[in-house]
Amino acid sequence: MTTIMDPTDERVPVERTITPRPSAITGNVALLDISKPRGNVLIDRLEQQLSERLPGVTFNRYAKPTFTKPAPDDLRRQIQAENDFVVEALAD
């Protein structure tokens, strides 16, 4: 078990088992822009670099409506259904 500190409430640490990492990145990768300023710039550059290093991988772009709230349930379900990996971009 690994203790993960939750920034919303650290009084009771959450214990979770970390998911084993795959040996390769294949399939579909979600690039999630959380809608902070210049996040799209970061995602653009990241997609460019990853595309060069991971031929055959498909990148799907998503954006949260606002960075001030968690992603809506429908968006999270869509990302999970359509992708094998997720990269979440924060920027300012």
Protein backbone atom coordinates (compact mmCIF):
# COMPACT_ATOMS: atom_id res chain seq x y z
CA MET A 1 0.00 0.00 0.00
CA THR A 2 1.06 3.53 -0.73
CA THR A 3 -0.08 6.58 1.20
CA ILE A 4 -1.30 9.37 -1.06
CA MET A 5 -1.76 12.79 0.47
CA ASP A 6 -5.07 14.28 -0.65
CA PRO A 7 -4.87 18.08 -0.96
CA THR A 8 -8.56 18.41 -0.13
CA ASP A 9 -8.34 16.71 3.25
CA GLU A 10 -5.04 15.47 4.70
CA ARG A 11 -6.42 14.60 8.11
CA VAL A 12 -7.02 11.03 7.01
CA PRO A 13 -4.45 9.77 4.46
CA VAL A 14 -5.89 7.65 1.66
CA GLU A 15 -4.24 4.27 1.15
CA ARG A 16 -4.24 2.88 -2.38
CA THR A 17 -2.40 0.27 -4.34
CA ILE A 18 -0.57 1.84 -7.26
CA THR A 19 -1.54 0.33 -10.61
CA PRO A 20 1.35 -1.52 -12.23
CA ARG A 21 2.86 0.41 -15.13
CA PRO A 22 2.78 -1.19 -18.58
CA SER A 23 6.05 -1.88 -20.37
CA ALA A 24 4.99 0.17 -23.42
CA ILE A 25 2.55 2.93 -24.36
CA THR A 26 0.20 1.71 -27.09
CA GLY A 27 -3.32 2.38 -28.29
CA ASN A 28 -5.05 5.65 -27.45
CA VAL A 29 -3.72 8.39 -25.19
CA ALA A 30 -6.01 11.11 -23.82
CA LEU A 31 -4.49 14.58 -23.54
CA LEU A 32 -6.62 16.47 -21.02
CA ASP A 33 -6.35 20.26 -20.85
CA ILE A 34 -7.74 21.40 -17.51
CA SER A 35 -8.41 24.86 -19.03
CA LYS A 36 -5.77 26.83 -17.17
CA PRO A 37 -4.14 29.62 -19.19
CA ARG A 38 -1.63 28.29 -21.76
CA GLY A 39 -2.56 24.68 -21.04
CA ASN A 40 -3.35 24.25 -24.72
CA VAL A 41 0.18 25.42 -25.57
CA LEU A 42 1.62 22.74 -23.30
CA ILE A 43 -0.68 20.07 -24.77
CA ASP A 44 0.26 21.10 -28.34
CA ARG A 45 3.98 20.73 -27.61
CA LEU A 46 3.50 17.52 -25.66
CA GLU A 47 1.46 15.95 -28.45
CA GLN A 48 4.12 16.92 -30.99
CA GLN A 49 6.94 15.37 -28.98
CA LEU A 50 5.04 12.23 -28.02
CA SER A 51 3.90 11.67 -31.62
CA GLU A 52 7.54 11.65 -32.71
CA ARG A 53 8.49 9.12 -30.02
CA LEU A 54 5.41 6.91 -30.13
CA PRO A 55 4.51 6.10 -33.74
CA GLY A 56 1.22 4.29 -34.05
CA VAL A 57 -0.24 5.81 -30.87
CA THR A 58 -3.44 7.83 -31.31
CA PHE A 59 -3.80 11.04 -29.29
CA ASN A 60 -7.26 12.28 -28.35
CA ARG A 61 -7.73 15.82 -27.03
CA TYR A 62 -10.15 16.78 -24.26
CA ALA A 63 -10.71 19.90 -22.16
CA LYS A 64 -12.41 20.49 -18.85
CA PRO A 65 -14.96 23.32 -18.86
CA THR A 66 -13.08 25.00 -15.99
CA PHE A 67 -9.99 24.32 -13.90
CA THR A 68 -11.80 25.29 -10.71
CA LYS A 69 -13.87 22.09 -10.51
CA PRO A 70 -13.29 18.38 -11.12
CA ALA A 71 -13.96 17.08 -14.62
CA PRO A 72 -17.65 16.33 -15.17
CA ASP A 73 -18.63 12.68 -14.80
CA ASP A 74 -19.60 12.40 -18.48
CA LEU A 75 -16.18 13.66 -19.57
CA ARG A 76 -14.39 11.24 -17.25
CA ARG A 77 -16.46 8.33 -18.54
CA GLN A 78 -15.78 9.34 -22.16
CA ILE A 79 -12.02 9.57 -21.55
CA GLN A 80 -12.00 6.17 -19.82
CA ALA A 81 -14.05 4.51 -22.58
CA GLU A 82 -11.97 5.90 -25.45
CA ASN A 83 -8.41 5.69 -24.11
CA ASP A 84 -5.76 3.47 -22.59
CA PHE A 85 -3.70 6.26 -20.98
CA VAL A 86 -4.29 9.83 -19.79
CA VAL A 87 -1.96 12.82 -19.61
CA GLU A 88 -3.36 15.80 -17.73
CA ALA A 89 -1.80 19.17 -18.51
CA LEU A 90 -1.49 21.98 -16.00
CA ALA A 91 -0.06 25.33 -17.02
CA ASP A 92 -0.06 29.04 -16.21
